[in-house]
Amino acid sequence: MPPRVPRSPFLPLGRTCSARHPQQQQQQHRFFTASPRVRKDDDEKSRLTHVNPSGAAHMVSISSKQPTSRTAVAACAVHFSKPTVLPLIGANSLTKGDVLSVARIAGIMAAKRTPDLIPLCHPIPISHVSVDLDLRPGEEGTEKKDRVEIRATVSCDGKTGVEMEALTAASTAALTVYDMCKAVDKGMRVEGLRVVLKEGGKSGRWEME
């Protein structure tokens, strides 16, 4: 009596797997393993530079780059939920003291400590940091409420850009405003953190529209 052929659990009762023609097997293999062709130039532009070919995070080497003058500007805003906060800041009447001055110094200090906070950032010899904070009253009839608009500018003569330093400065200044004002307004929102300008290096100048 011939041996029984085991039934596949994926086929209906009474049917068994049959051997495929070698050419059919090759076509099926190609169907499942074929990958889209990507131009080398497109792949270089779209890949993440902080991830190596094996998928592990690493610090990008900038040893072959030439130092150039670089600048980055980042912006964000602290929006208040109460109309009483902005006058208190303007009159320097909050319990913790001068909100704008403390936030400005905090942003400058943070820009210089960016590599300690962002793991894969290079230590950069920063040549200039400025943090500007403007009090903006809300507009009647619109959704815009009282806010402090923050703009951080960082410059250096180096081999890599200073976008992260500008973002760190702006966000830290915003968090300091929050800390200084949270006793009188717990509904504040920090919004819109972004790079608005970058210039220098291989990519040249870029500005957010």
Protein backbone atom coordinates (compact mmCIF):
# COMPACT_ATOMS: atom_id res chain seq x y z
CA MET A 1 0.00 0.00 0.00
CA PRO A 2 1.57 3.34 -1.05
CA PRO A 3 2.34 5.80 1.75
CA ARG A 4 -0.22 8.54 2.37
CA VAL A 5 0.68 12.08 1.34
CA PRO A 6 0.17 14.47 4.31
CA ARG A 7 -2.59 16.99 3.69
CA SER A 8 -1.63 20.67 3.82
CA PRO A 9 -3.59 22.58 6.48
CA PHE A 10 -3.99 25.42 3.98
CA LEU A 11 -5.79 23.38 1.27
CA PRO A 12 -9.38 22.04 1.17
CA LEU A 13 -9.97 18.44 2.15
CA GLY A 14 -9.13 16.01 -0.66
CA ARG A 15 -6.51 18.25 -2.33
CA THR A 16 -2.76 17.96 -1.93
CA CYS A 17 0.15 20.19 -2.88
CA SER A 18 1.65 19.47 -6.26
CA ALA A 19 5.21 20.29 -7.28
CA ARG A 20 5.57 23.44 -9.33
CA HIS A 21 7.56 23.71 -12.50
CA PRO A 22 11.06 25.17 -11.77
CA GLN A 23 10.27 28.20 -13.97
CA GLN A 24 7.05 28.85 -12.01
CA GLN A 25 8.95 28.64 -8.73
CA GLN A 26 11.52 31.14 -10.01
CA GLN A 27 8.77 33.53 -11.12
CA GLN A 28 7.05 33.26 -7.73
CA HIS A 29 10.36 33.92 -5.94
CA ARG A 30 10.96 37.02 -8.05
CA PHE A 31 7.43 38.25 -7.37
CA PHE A 32 7.93 38.27 -3.61
CA THR A 33 11.57 39.45 -3.47
CA ALA A 34 11.68 42.11 -6.17
CA SER A 35 12.36 45.59 -4.77
CA PRO A 36 11.76 48.97 -6.45
CA ARG A 37 14.71 50.43 -8.23
CA VAL A 38 15.90 53.63 -6.59
CA ARG A 39 18.32 55.98 -8.23
CA LYS A 40 21.49 56.43 -6.21
CA ASP A 41 21.11 60.23 -6.16
CA ASP A 42 17.52 60.01 -4.88
CA ASP A 43 18.51 57.46 -2.24
CA GLU A 44 21.34 59.68 -0.97
CA LYS A 45 19.00 62.65 -0.61
CA SER A 46 16.18 60.76 1.13
CA ARG A 47 18.09 58.62 3.62
CA LEU A 48 18.59 59.62 7.25
CA THR A 49 22.21 60.62 7.79
CA HIS A 50 22.17 59.76 11.51
CA VAL A 51 21.37 56.10 10.73
CA ASN A 52 24.08 53.82 9.35
CA PRO A 53 23.42 51.05 6.76
CA SER A 54 22.71 48.52 9.51
CA GLY A 55 20.05 50.78 11.05
CA ALA A 56 22.00 51.86 14.12
CA ALA A 57 22.18 55.50 15.20
CA HIS A 58 25.60 57.14 14.88
CA MET A 59 27.24 60.56 14.79
CA VAL A 60 27.79 61.83 11.25
CA SER A 61 31.43 62.46 10.36
CA ILE A 62 32.11 66.07 9.34
CA SER A 63 35.90 65.71 9.15
CA SER A 64 35.98 66.22 5.38
CA LYS A 65 33.86 69.39 5.41
CA GLN A 66 35.29 72.88 5.14
CA PRO A 67 34.33 75.48 7.78
CA THR A 68 31.91 78.12 6.54
CA SER A 69 29.87 80.91 8.09
CA ARG A 70 26.51 79.50 9.20
CA THR A 71 23.37 80.99 10.74
CA ALA A 72 20.06 79.55 11.85
CA VAL A 73 16.93 81.23 13.21
CA ALA A 74 14.22 79.40 15.17
CA ALA A 75 10.90 80.71 16.46
CA CYS A 76 8.02 79.75 18.73
CA ALA A 77 5.43 81.42 20.97
CA VAL A 78 3.92 81.09 24.42
CA HIS A 79 0.15 81.68 24.31
CA PHE A 80 -1.66 82.75 27.46
CA SER A 81 -5.17 81.72 28.46
CA LYS A 82 -5.71 84.75 30.73
CA PRO A 83 -5.57 88.44 29.77
CA THR A 84 -3.90 89.40 33.07
CA VAL A 85 -0.51 87.80 32.38
CA LEU A 86 0.85 90.07 29.63
CA PRO A 87 0.40 93.30 31.66
CA LEU A 88 2.14 91.65 34.62
CA ILE A 89 5.11 90.71 32.45
CA GLY A 90 5.30 94.19 30.96
CA ALA A 91 5.21 95.82 34.41
CA ASN A 92 7.72 93.30 35.79
CA SER A 93 5.25 92.48 38.57
CA LEU A 94 5.42 88.70 38.67
CA THR A 95 6.65 87.04 41.85
CA LYS A 96 9.62 85.33 40.19
CA GLY A 97 10.95 88.55 38.69
CA ASP A 98 11.88 89.78 35.21
CA VAL A 99 10.40 87.16 32.89
CA LEU A 100 11.90 88.38 29.63
CA SER A 101 15.45 88.84 30.93
CA VAL A 102 15.55 85.45 32.63
CA ALA A 103 14.11 83.71 29.56
CA ARG A 104 16.62 85.44 27.30
CA ILE A 105 19.59 84.30 29.40
CA ALA A 106 18.14 80.78 29.65
CA GLY A 107 17.89 80.56 25.86
CA ILE A 108 21.48 81.72 25.37
CA MET A 109 22.78 79.24 27.93
CA ALA A 110 20.77 76.41 26.37
CA ALA A 111 22.21 77.06 22.91
CA LYS A 112 25.71 76.54 24.30
CA ARG A 113 24.69 73.27 25.98
CA THR A 114 22.87 71.71 23.01
CA PRO A 115 25.33 68.78 22.54
CA ASP A 116 24.69 67.81 26.17
CA LEU A 117 20.94 67.57 25.50
CA ILE A 118 20.72 66.22 21.93
CA PRO A 119 22.84 63.03 21.79
CA LEU A 120 24.14 63.15 18.20
CA CYS A 121 24.81 66.89 17.91
CA HIS A 122 28.40 67.97 17.37
CA PRO A 123 29.97 70.40 19.84
CA ILE A 124 30.16 73.63 17.84
CA PRO A 125 32.18 76.77 18.66
CA ILE A 126 29.26 79.21 18.59
CA SER A 127 30.22 82.77 17.72
CA HIS A 128 26.88 84.48 18.40
CA VAL A 129 23.54 83.83 20.10
CA SER A 130 20.62 86.22 20.44
CA VAL A 131 17.15 85.57 21.84
CA ASP A 132 14.40 88.15 21.25
CA LEU A 133 11.09 88.06 23.13
CA ASP A 134 8.20 90.29 22.09
CA LEU A 135 4.95 90.84 23.97
CA ARG A 136 2.02 90.56 21.56
CA PRO A 137 -1.52 91.43 22.74
CA GLY A 138 -4.42 89.40 21.39
CA GLU A 139 -6.59 90.60 18.54
CA GLU A 140 -10.28 91.10 19.17
CA GLY A 141 -12.55 89.10 16.93
CA THR A 142 -9.87 86.50 16.20
CA GLU A 143 -8.51 83.39 17.90
CA LYS A 144 -5.18 85.08 18.57
CA LYS A 145 -4.67 85.58 22.31
CA ASP A 146 -1.99 87.35 24.31
CA ARG A 147 1.39 85.76 23.69
CA VAL A 148 5.15 86.10 23.90
CA GLU A 149 6.79 85.56 20.53
CA ILE A 150 10.32 84.17 20.70
CA ARG A 151 13.01 84.28 18.03
CA ALA A 152 16.49 82.78 18.52
CA THR A 153 19.42 83.41 16.20
CA VAL A 154 22.65 81.39 16.35
CA SER A 155 25.78 81.82 14.24
CA CYS A 156 29.11 80.05 13.95
CA ASP A 157 32.06 79.48 11.66
CA GLY A 158 32.06 75.71 11.50
CA LYS A 159 31.60 72.49 9.56
CA THR A 160 27.93 71.87 10.38
CA GLY A 161 24.79 73.92 10.85
CA VAL A 162 23.37 75.41 14.04
CA GLU A 163 19.66 74.66 13.57
CA MET A 164 19.54 72.49 16.69
CA GLU A 165 21.19 75.22 18.74
CA ALA A 166 18.61 77.75 17.57
CA LEU A 167 15.72 75.36 18.28
CA THR A 168 17.11 74.58 21.72
CA ALA A 169 17.50 78.27 22.53
CA ALA A 170 13.95 79.15 21.45
CA SER A 171 12.30 76.21 23.21
CA THR A 172 14.22 76.75 26.45
CA ALA A 173 13.31 80.43 26.48
CA ALA A 174 9.65 79.43 26.01
CA LEU A 175 9.81 76.90 28.84
CA THR A 176 11.35 79.56 31.07
CA VAL A 177 8.47 81.92 30.32
CA TYR A 178 6.11 79.10 31.25
CA ASP A 179 7.94 78.47 34.50
CA MET A 180 7.96 82.15 35.44
CA CYS A 181 4.22 82.58 34.74
CA LYS A 182 2.64 79.27 35.73
CA ALA A 183 1.57 80.62 39.12
CA VAL A 184 -0.91 82.97 37.44
CA ASP A 185 -1.80 81.00 34.29
CA LYS A 186 -1.84 77.22 34.17
CA GLY A 187 -3.44 77.13 30.73
CA MET A 188 -0.46 78.43 28.74
CA ARG A 189 0.53 76.72 25.47
CA VAL A 190 3.95 76.58 23.80
CA GLU A 191 3.35 76.36 20.06
CA GLY A 192 4.94 76.71 16.66
CA LEU A 193 8.54 75.69 17.33
CA ARG A 194 10.28 75.71 13.96
CA VAL A 195 13.36 76.75 11.98
CA VAL A 196 12.50 79.84 9.93
CA LEU A 197 15.88 80.51 8.34
CA LYS A 198 19.07 78.63 7.63
CA GLU A 199 22.06 79.82 5.64
CA GLY A 200 25.60 78.72 4.98
CA GLY A 201 27.12 75.37 4.13
CA LYS A 202 26.56 73.24 1.04
CA SER A 203 22.79 73.79 0.87
CA GLY A 204 23.08 77.57 0.99
CA ARG A 205 20.18 79.72 2.15
CA TRP A 206 16.73 78.38 3.05
CA GLU A 207 13.89 80.43 4.48
CA MET A 208 10.41 79.37 5.53
CA GLU A 209 7.73 81.12 3.50
